[in-house]
Amino acid sequence: MPNLKYSFSDDVFSEFRSQQIIVKPISERWERDKYFSLRKEVFGLEQKIFENSDIDSADFRSTGIIALSSNFAMPDEVIGAVRIYLDDSDEGGKTWFGGRLCVASNYRRNRTFSLGTALINEAVSLAKDLGGERFLANIQPQNELFFQRLHWRSIRKVQIHGITHIHMEADLDRYPFMHRGGMTS
């Protein structure tokens, strides 16, 4: 008798992952709303860093960048997010910060492509396009090696919201290091 998979058993099926993904700055209201929803899911519900909202003053001067999955060639879900903004203390406007990098849980640890890599590439490259000469971020320690592999150097440990982070800087000469925009696995 053949080994059948029964449709009533959830453990038989893997979660759907779109194979068409676009990484781009937010341009539509629904994208912005889903961007903030994903951040709340990751930083509030999963990591429990923020109780109510992770929105802060940087959001009012930042550019949100998203990874969008598509279904039948129509973008339908925000599956990754990051923000970039100018450093307030840099009067010359050449230092940019990145932050709130997150990826929807069912798109993490994908062997075919890395949304985190694509989001970081777009964030640093866009800041560079906008005249940035320096790009910094505060990274959770478990992600330090990942960032180092993407041409970042560690500067020092800092405390953000009571959690240790690593203050890091991107090597702008290495960006962009991959195609920007769409991804297909």
Protein backbone atom coordinates (compact mmCIF):
# COMPACT_ATOMS: atom_id res chain seq x y z
CA MET A 1 0.00 0.00 0.00
CA PRO A 2 1.38 3.48 -0.84
CA ASN A 3 2.43 5.86 1.93
CA LEU A 4 -0.37 8.45 1.84
CA LYS A 5 -0.37 11.92 3.36
CA TYR A 6 -3.65 12.78 4.97
CA SER A 7 -5.02 16.27 4.44
CA PHE A 8 -6.31 16.62 8.01
CA SER A 9 -2.83 16.38 9.50
CA ASP A 10 -1.11 19.81 9.66
CA ASP A 11 2.35 18.32 10.16
CA VAL A 12 2.28 16.87 6.64
CA PHE A 13 2.31 20.26 4.91
CA SER A 14 4.97 22.93 4.99
CA GLU A 15 4.04 26.59 5.06
CA PHE A 16 3.74 28.30 1.69
CA ARG A 17 6.75 30.39 0.69
CA SER A 18 6.44 32.54 -2.38
CA GLN A 19 9.28 32.15 -4.85
CA GLN A 20 8.86 35.71 -6.20
CA ILE A 21 10.12 38.38 -3.81
CA ILE A 22 10.72 42.10 -4.28
CA VAL A 23 12.87 44.20 -1.91
CA LYS A 24 12.09 47.92 -2.12
CA PRO A 25 11.28 51.07 -0.16
CA ILE A 26 7.69 51.36 1.06
CA SER A 27 5.49 53.14 -1.48
CA GLU A 28 1.90 52.22 -0.54
CA ARG A 29 -0.17 52.69 2.62
CA TRP A 30 -0.94 48.95 2.91
CA GLU A 31 2.81 48.22 2.70
CA ARG A 32 3.47 50.65 5.56
CA ASP A 33 0.71 49.10 7.67
CA LYS A 34 2.04 45.56 7.09
CA TYR A 35 5.60 46.79 7.76
CA PHE A 36 4.60 47.97 11.23
CA SER A 37 2.54 44.80 11.81
CA LEU A 38 5.55 42.59 11.05
CA ARG A 39 7.77 44.64 13.37
CA LYS A 40 5.19 44.34 16.15
CA GLU A 41 4.98 40.58 15.59
CA VAL A 42 8.76 40.10 15.74
CA PHE A 43 9.88 42.64 18.34
CA GLY A 44 6.73 42.63 20.48
CA LEU A 45 5.17 39.18 20.38
CA GLU A 46 8.18 36.96 19.57
CA GLN A 47 11.12 38.71 21.22
CA LYS A 48 9.07 40.61 23.83
CA ILE A 49 11.35 43.65 23.61
CA PHE A 50 8.43 46.08 23.35
CA GLU A 51 5.17 45.68 25.22
CA ASN A 52 2.88 47.81 23.06
CA SER A 53 4.72 49.29 20.10
CA ASP A 54 8.27 49.55 18.76
CA ILE A 55 7.56 52.85 17.00
CA ASP A 56 9.94 55.60 18.12
CA SER A 57 11.11 59.05 16.98
CA ALA A 58 13.40 57.53 14.33
CA ASP A 59 10.31 56.23 12.50
CA PHE A 60 9.23 59.80 11.77
CA ARG A 61 12.41 60.43 9.77
CA SER A 62 13.17 56.97 8.42
CA THR A 63 12.68 55.22 5.11
CA GLY A 64 11.11 51.80 5.51
CA ILE A 65 12.36 49.04 3.24
CA ILE A 66 10.34 45.86 2.79
CA ALA A 67 10.52 42.43 1.25
CA LEU A 68 7.25 41.64 -0.53
CA SER A 69 6.14 38.18 -1.52
CA SER A 70 3.99 37.82 -4.60
CA ASN A 71 1.17 35.48 -5.51
CA PHE A 72 0.37 35.21 -9.22
CA ALA A 73 2.68 38.19 -9.86
CA MET A 74 0.78 40.42 -7.42
CA PRO A 75 2.58 41.62 -4.26
CA ASP A 76 0.51 40.44 -1.33
CA GLU A 77 2.51 40.10 1.88
CA VAL A 78 5.29 41.98 3.69
CA ILE A 79 7.70 39.24 4.76
CA GLY A 80 10.71 41.34 5.75
CA ALA A 81 11.46 44.85 6.96
CA VAL A 82 14.25 47.26 7.87
CA ARG A 83 14.48 51.02 8.27
CA ILE A 84 17.19 53.54 7.50
CA TYR A 85 17.57 57.11 8.75
CA LEU A 86 20.14 59.89 9.00
CA ASP A 87 22.11 60.24 12.22
CA ASP A 88 20.79 63.31 14.10
CA SER A 89 24.23 64.19 15.43
CA ASP A 90 25.89 64.23 11.98
CA GLU A 91 25.57 67.81 10.73
CA GLY A 92 26.98 66.88 7.32
CA GLY A 93 24.22 64.31 6.73
CA LYS A 94 26.60 61.55 5.67
CA THR A 95 26.04 59.00 8.47
CA TRP A 96 23.07 56.66 8.23
CA PHE A 97 21.64 54.15 10.69
CA GLY A 98 19.77 50.96 9.99
CA GLY A 99 17.47 49.22 12.40
CA ARG A 100 14.47 47.03 13.15
CA LEU A 101 15.59 44.36 10.68
CA CYS A 102 13.09 41.51 10.79
CA VAL A 103 11.89 38.60 8.66
CA ALA A 104 8.59 36.70 8.92
CA SER A 105 9.14 33.41 10.74
CA ASN A 106 8.21 31.16 7.80
CA TYR A 107 10.85 32.87 5.61
CA ARG A 108 13.78 32.48 8.03
CA ARG A 109 16.58 29.97 7.50
CA ASN A 110 15.71 29.47 3.85
CA ARG A 111 18.39 27.46 2.06
CA THR A 112 17.58 29.03 -1.32
CA PHE A 113 17.90 32.72 -0.46
CA SER A 114 18.31 35.02 2.55
CA LEU A 115 15.82 37.83 2.98
CA GLY A 116 17.97 39.34 5.72
CA THR A 117 20.88 39.56 3.30
CA ALA A 118 18.73 41.17 0.61
CA LEU A 119 17.24 43.68 3.08
CA ILE A 120 20.68 44.64 4.42
CA ASN A 121 22.05 44.98 0.89
CA GLU A 122 19.17 47.28 -0.10
CA ALA A 123 19.33 49.33 3.11
CA VAL A 124 23.07 50.04 2.90
CA SER A 125 23.00 50.52 -0.88
CA LEU A 126 20.08 52.98 -0.71
CA ALA A 127 21.79 55.03 2.00
CA LYS A 128 24.92 55.05 -0.14
CA ASP A 129 22.84 56.19 -3.16
CA LEU A 130 21.50 59.03 -1.01
CA GLY A 131 25.01 60.32 -0.27
CA GLY A 132 25.80 58.28 2.80
CA GLU A 133 29.46 57.85 3.61
CA ARG A 134 28.96 55.80 6.77
CA PHE A 135 26.33 53.21 7.76
CA LEU A 136 25.87 52.00 11.34
CA ALA A 137 23.51 49.67 13.17
CA ASN A 138 23.05 48.14 16.60
CA ILE A 139 22.84 44.38 16.11
CA GLN A 140 21.65 41.67 18.49
CA PRO A 141 24.68 39.53 19.46
CA GLN A 142 23.33 36.33 17.88
CA ASN A 143 23.45 38.12 14.50
CA GLU A 144 26.97 39.57 14.77
CA LEU A 145 28.67 36.83 12.73
CA PHE A 146 25.95 37.05 10.05
CA PHE A 147 26.66 40.79 9.66
CA GLN A 148 30.41 40.24 9.64
CA ARG A 149 29.94 37.88 6.70
CA LEU A 150 28.15 40.75 4.93
CA HIS A 151 31.14 43.08 5.24
CA TRP A 152 30.45 44.69 8.63
CA ARG A 153 32.87 45.29 11.47
CA SER A 154 32.07 45.25 15.17
CA ILE A 155 32.84 48.44 17.08
CA ARG A 156 31.61 47.97 20.68
CA LYS A 157 28.84 46.57 22.87
CA VAL A 158 25.93 48.89 23.72
CA GLN A 159 22.73 48.56 25.71
CA ILE A 160 19.47 49.17 23.80
CA HIS A 161 16.15 48.75 25.62
CA GLY A 162 17.98 46.82 28.36
CA ILE A 163 19.43 44.32 25.86
CA THR A 164 23.07 44.04 24.80
CA HIS A 165 23.65 44.89 21.15
CA ILE A 166 26.80 45.18 19.04
CA HIS A 167 27.39 48.59 17.46
CA MET A 168 28.57 47.77 13.92
CA GLU A 169 29.61 49.56 10.72
CA ALA A 170 29.16 48.44 7.11
CA ASP A 171 32.04 48.56 4.64
CA LEU A 172 30.39 50.80 2.05
CA ASP A 173 32.99 49.95 -0.59
CA ARG A 174 31.52 46.42 -0.68
CA TYR A 175 27.93 47.56 -1.39
CA PRO A 176 25.88 46.67 -3.31
CA PHE A 177 27.27 43.15 -3.25
CA MET A 178 24.26 41.53 -4.89
CA HIS A 179 21.49 42.37 -7.36
CA ARG A 180 18.94 44.81 -5.94
CA GLY A 181 15.18 44.61 -6.31
CA GLY A 182 13.59 41.27 -7.13
CA MET A 183 14.59 37.80 -6.04
CA THR A 184 13.48 34.48 -7.41
CA SER A 185 14.50 31.20 -5.91
